[in-house]
Amino acid sequence: MTDPDASADPTPEVDRTPEKDPADWTTGDEPMTGPQESYLHTLAQEAGVQVPDDLTKADASRLIDDLQHRTGRGV
């Protein structure tokens, strides 16, 4: 006879990829990356907005979060 609770993991799931505020990024003031720019243009097209070409990594990250929320992709 086995205990049905014995197989349940009592340890809560831990997020191993903690998010850091883009304002705290050491490279946040560098130009956005190619993947950020590509994804931003996809999201911007869906949201019907324009993306500035001169965004920093941190600004691009914030805009990605905002556009994901607007388009429902971040859910």
N, C-alpha and C. Protein backbone atom coordinates (compact mmCIF):
# COMPACT_ATOMS: atom_id res chain seq x y z
N MET A 1 0.84 -1.17 0.00
CA MET A 1 0.00 0.00 0.00
C MET A 1 0.89 1.23 0.00
N THR A 2 0.60 2.16 -0.91
CA THR A 2 1.43 3.35 -1.00
C THR A 2 0.65 4.57 -0.53
N ASP A 3 1.37 5.48 0.04
CA ASP A 3 0.79 6.74 0.50
C ASP A 3 0.63 7.65 -0.71
N PRO A 4 -0.61 8.11 -1.02
CA PRO A 4 -0.81 8.94 -2.20
C PRO A 4 -0.07 10.28 -2.13
N ASP A 5 0.23 10.74 -0.93
CA ASP A 5 0.94 12.00 -0.79
C ASP A 5 2.46 11.82 -0.86
N ALA A 6 2.92 10.60 -0.85
CA ALA A 6 4.36 10.35 -0.84
C ALA A 6 5.02 10.78 -2.13
N SER A 7 4.30 10.73 -3.24
CA SER A 7 4.90 11.10 -4.52
C SER A 7 4.84 12.60 -4.76
N ALA A 8 4.07 13.32 -3.99
CA ALA A 8 3.97 14.77 -4.16
C ALA A 8 5.23 15.44 -3.64
N ASP A 9 5.77 16.33 -4.43
CA ASP A 9 6.98 17.06 -4.04
C ASP A 9 6.58 18.21 -3.13
N PRO A 10 6.99 18.18 -1.85
CA PRO A 10 6.59 19.23 -0.92
C PRO A 10 7.35 20.53 -1.14
N THR A 11 8.40 20.51 -1.97
CA THR A 11 9.20 21.70 -2.21
C THR A 11 8.52 22.58 -3.25
N PRO A 12 8.26 23.84 -2.92
CA PRO A 12 7.64 24.72 -3.90
C PRO A 12 8.57 24.95 -5.09
N GLU A 13 7.97 25.16 -6.25
CA GLU A 13 8.77 25.41 -7.45
C GLU A 13 9.47 26.75 -7.31
N VAL A 14 10.75 26.78 -7.62
CA VAL A 14 11.55 27.98 -7.49
C VAL A 14 11.88 28.48 -8.89
N ASP A 15 11.69 29.79 -9.11
CA ASP A 15 12.05 30.40 -10.39
C ASP A 15 13.56 30.57 -10.42
N ARG A 16 14.22 29.82 -11.27
CA ARG A 16 15.67 29.85 -11.34
C ARG A 16 16.18 30.97 -12.25
N THR A 17 15.29 31.71 -12.87
CA THR A 17 15.68 32.82 -13.73
C THR A 17 15.05 34.11 -13.20
N PRO A 18 15.56 34.60 -12.09
CA PRO A 18 14.97 35.80 -11.52
C PRO A 18 15.11 36.98 -12.48
N GLU A 19 14.06 37.79 -12.54
CA GLU A 19 14.11 38.94 -13.41
C GLU A 19 14.78 40.10 -12.69
N LYS A 20 15.60 40.78 -13.44
CA LYS A 20 16.29 41.94 -12.91
C LYS A 20 15.68 43.16 -13.59
N ASP A 21 15.44 44.20 -12.85
CA ASP A 21 14.90 45.42 -13.41
C ASP A 21 15.85 45.93 -14.49
N PRO A 22 15.33 46.22 -15.70
CA PRO A 22 16.21 46.71 -16.77
C PRO A 22 17.03 47.93 -16.36
N ALA A 23 16.54 48.73 -15.44
CA ALA A 23 17.29 49.89 -14.97
C ALA A 23 18.58 49.47 -14.25
N ASP A 24 18.62 48.23 -13.76
CA ASP A 24 19.78 47.73 -13.04
C ASP A 24 20.74 46.95 -13.92
N TRP A 25 20.43 46.78 -15.20
CA TRP A 25 21.30 46.04 -16.10
C TRP A 25 22.59 46.82 -16.34
N THR A 26 23.71 46.13 -16.28
CA THR A 26 24.99 46.81 -16.54
C THR A 26 25.15 47.14 -18.01
N THR A 27 24.46 46.42 -18.89
CA THR A 27 24.54 46.68 -20.33
C THR A 27 23.25 47.31 -20.85
N GLY A 28 22.40 47.79 -19.95
CA GLY A 28 21.11 48.32 -20.33
C GLY A 28 21.15 49.54 -21.23
N ASP A 29 22.28 50.27 -21.19
CA ASP A 29 22.37 51.47 -22.02
C ASP A 29 22.96 51.19 -23.40
N GLU A 30 23.29 49.94 -23.68
CA GLU A 30 23.78 49.56 -25.01
C GLU A 30 22.60 49.48 -25.97
N PRO A 31 22.86 49.58 -27.28
CA PRO A 31 21.76 49.47 -28.25
C PRO A 31 21.05 48.13 -28.13
N MET A 32 19.75 48.13 -28.46
CA MET A 32 18.98 46.89 -28.40
C MET A 32 19.62 45.84 -29.30
N THR A 33 19.39 44.59 -28.96
CA THR A 33 19.96 43.49 -29.73
C THR A 33 19.11 43.23 -30.97
N GLY A 34 19.66 42.48 -31.91
CA GLY A 34 18.93 42.10 -33.11
C GLY A 34 17.65 41.34 -32.80
N PRO A 35 17.71 40.34 -31.91
CA PRO A 35 16.48 39.62 -31.56
C PRO A 35 15.43 40.52 -30.91
N GLN A 36 15.87 41.46 -30.06
CA GLN A 36 14.91 42.39 -29.46
C GLN A 36 14.24 43.22 -30.55
N GLU A 37 15.03 43.74 -31.48
CA GLU A 37 14.49 44.58 -32.55
C GLU A 37 13.50 43.81 -33.41
N SER A 38 13.85 42.58 -33.75
CA SER A 38 12.97 41.76 -34.57
C SER A 38 11.65 41.48 -33.86
N TYR A 39 11.72 41.09 -32.60
CA TYR A 39 10.52 40.77 -31.84
C TYR A 39 9.68 42.03 -31.61
N LEU A 40 10.35 43.15 -31.35
CA LEU A 40 9.63 44.40 -31.17
C LEU A 40 8.83 44.77 -32.42
N HIS A 41 9.43 44.60 -33.58
CA HIS A 41 8.72 44.94 -34.81
C HIS A 41 7.52 44.02 -35.02
N THR A 42 7.65 42.75 -34.65
CA THR A 42 6.51 41.83 -34.73
C THR A 42 5.39 42.27 -33.80
N LEU A 43 5.75 42.57 -32.55
CA LEU A 43 4.75 43.01 -31.58
C LEU A 43 4.14 44.35 -31.98
N ALA A 44 4.97 45.28 -32.46
CA ALA A 44 4.50 46.60 -32.83
C ALA A 44 3.51 46.53 -33.98
N GLN A 45 3.78 45.64 -34.93
CA GLN A 45 2.86 45.47 -36.06
C GLN A 45 1.51 44.99 -35.55
N GLU A 46 1.52 44.03 -34.63
CA GLU A 46 0.27 43.52 -34.06
C GLU A 46 -0.46 44.59 -33.25
N ALA A 47 0.30 45.44 -32.55
CA ALA A 47 -0.30 46.47 -31.70
C ALA A 47 -0.61 47.75 -32.46
N GLY A 48 -0.12 47.86 -33.70
CA GLY A 48 -0.36 49.06 -34.49
C GLY A 48 0.40 50.27 -34.02
N VAL A 49 1.64 50.05 -33.55
CA VAL A 49 2.47 51.16 -33.08
C VAL A 49 3.81 51.15 -33.81
N GLN A 50 4.52 52.26 -33.71
CA GLN A 50 5.85 52.39 -34.30
C GLN A 50 6.91 52.15 -33.23
N VAL A 51 8.04 51.58 -33.63
CA VAL A 51 9.15 51.33 -32.72
C VAL A 51 10.30 52.27 -33.09
N PRO A 52 10.78 53.07 -32.14
CA PRO A 52 11.95 53.91 -32.42
C PRO A 52 13.17 53.03 -32.73
N ASP A 53 14.02 53.50 -33.62
CA ASP A 53 15.19 52.71 -34.03
C ASP A 53 16.34 52.79 -33.03
N ASP A 54 16.33 53.78 -32.16
CA ASP A 54 17.49 54.02 -31.29
C ASP A 54 17.27 53.60 -29.85
N LEU A 55 16.51 52.54 -29.62
CA LEU A 55 16.25 52.09 -28.25
C LEU A 55 17.48 51.39 -27.65
N THR A 56 17.60 51.52 -26.34
CA THR A 56 18.63 50.76 -25.62
C THR A 56 18.07 49.38 -25.30
N LYS A 57 18.93 48.50 -24.84
CA LYS A 57 18.49 47.16 -24.42
C LYS A 57 17.40 47.27 -23.35
N ALA A 58 17.62 48.14 -22.38
CA ALA A 58 16.66 48.28 -21.27
C ALA A 58 15.34 48.84 -21.77
N ASP A 59 15.39 49.86 -22.62
CA ASP A 59 14.15 50.44 -23.16
C ASP A 59 13.41 49.43 -24.03
N ALA A 60 14.15 48.67 -24.82
CA ALA A 60 13.54 47.65 -25.67
C ALA A 60 12.86 46.59 -24.81
N SER A 61 13.48 46.20 -23.73
CA SER A 61 12.90 45.21 -22.83
C SER A 61 11.59 45.72 -22.23
N ARG A 62 11.59 46.97 -21.79
CA ARG A 62 10.37 47.56 -21.23
C ARG A 62 9.26 47.63 -22.27
N LEU A 63 9.63 48.02 -23.51
CA LEU A 63 8.64 48.12 -24.57
C LEU A 63 8.11 46.75 -24.96
N ILE A 64 8.97 45.74 -24.96
CA ILE A 64 8.53 44.37 -25.23
C ILE A 64 7.49 43.96 -24.19
N ASP A 65 7.78 44.21 -22.92
CA ASP A 65 6.82 43.87 -21.85
C ASP A 65 5.49 44.57 -22.08
N ASP A 66 5.54 45.86 -22.42
CA ASP A 66 4.33 46.63 -22.64
C ASP A 66 3.54 46.08 -23.83
N LEU A 67 4.22 45.83 -24.94
CA LEU A 67 3.53 45.35 -26.13
C LEU A 67 3.03 43.92 -25.96
N GLN A 68 3.73 43.10 -25.21
CA GLN A 68 3.24 41.76 -24.93
C GLN A 68 1.92 41.85 -24.17
N HIS A 69 1.86 42.77 -23.23
CA HIS A 69 0.64 42.97 -22.45
C HIS A 69 -0.50 43.44 -23.37
N ARG A 70 -0.20 44.40 -24.24
CA ARG A 70 -1.22 44.94 -25.15
C ARG A 70 -1.75 43.89 -26.13
N THR A 71 -0.84 43.05 -26.62
CA THR A 71 -1.23 42.07 -27.64
C THR A 71 -1.69 40.75 -27.07
N GLY A 72 -1.49 40.55 -25.77
CA GLY A 72 -1.88 39.29 -25.15
C GLY A 72 -0.84 38.19 -25.31
N ARG A 73 0.31 38.52 -25.88
CA ARG A 73 1.37 37.52 -26.06
C ARG A 73 2.11 37.20 -24.77
N GLY A 74 2.05 38.08 -23.81
CA GLY A 74 2.79 37.87 -22.57
C GLY A 74 2.03 37.09 -21.52
N VAL A 75 0.85 36.62 -21.88
CA VAL A 75 0.00 35.93 -20.92
C VAL A 75 0.42 34.49 -20.79
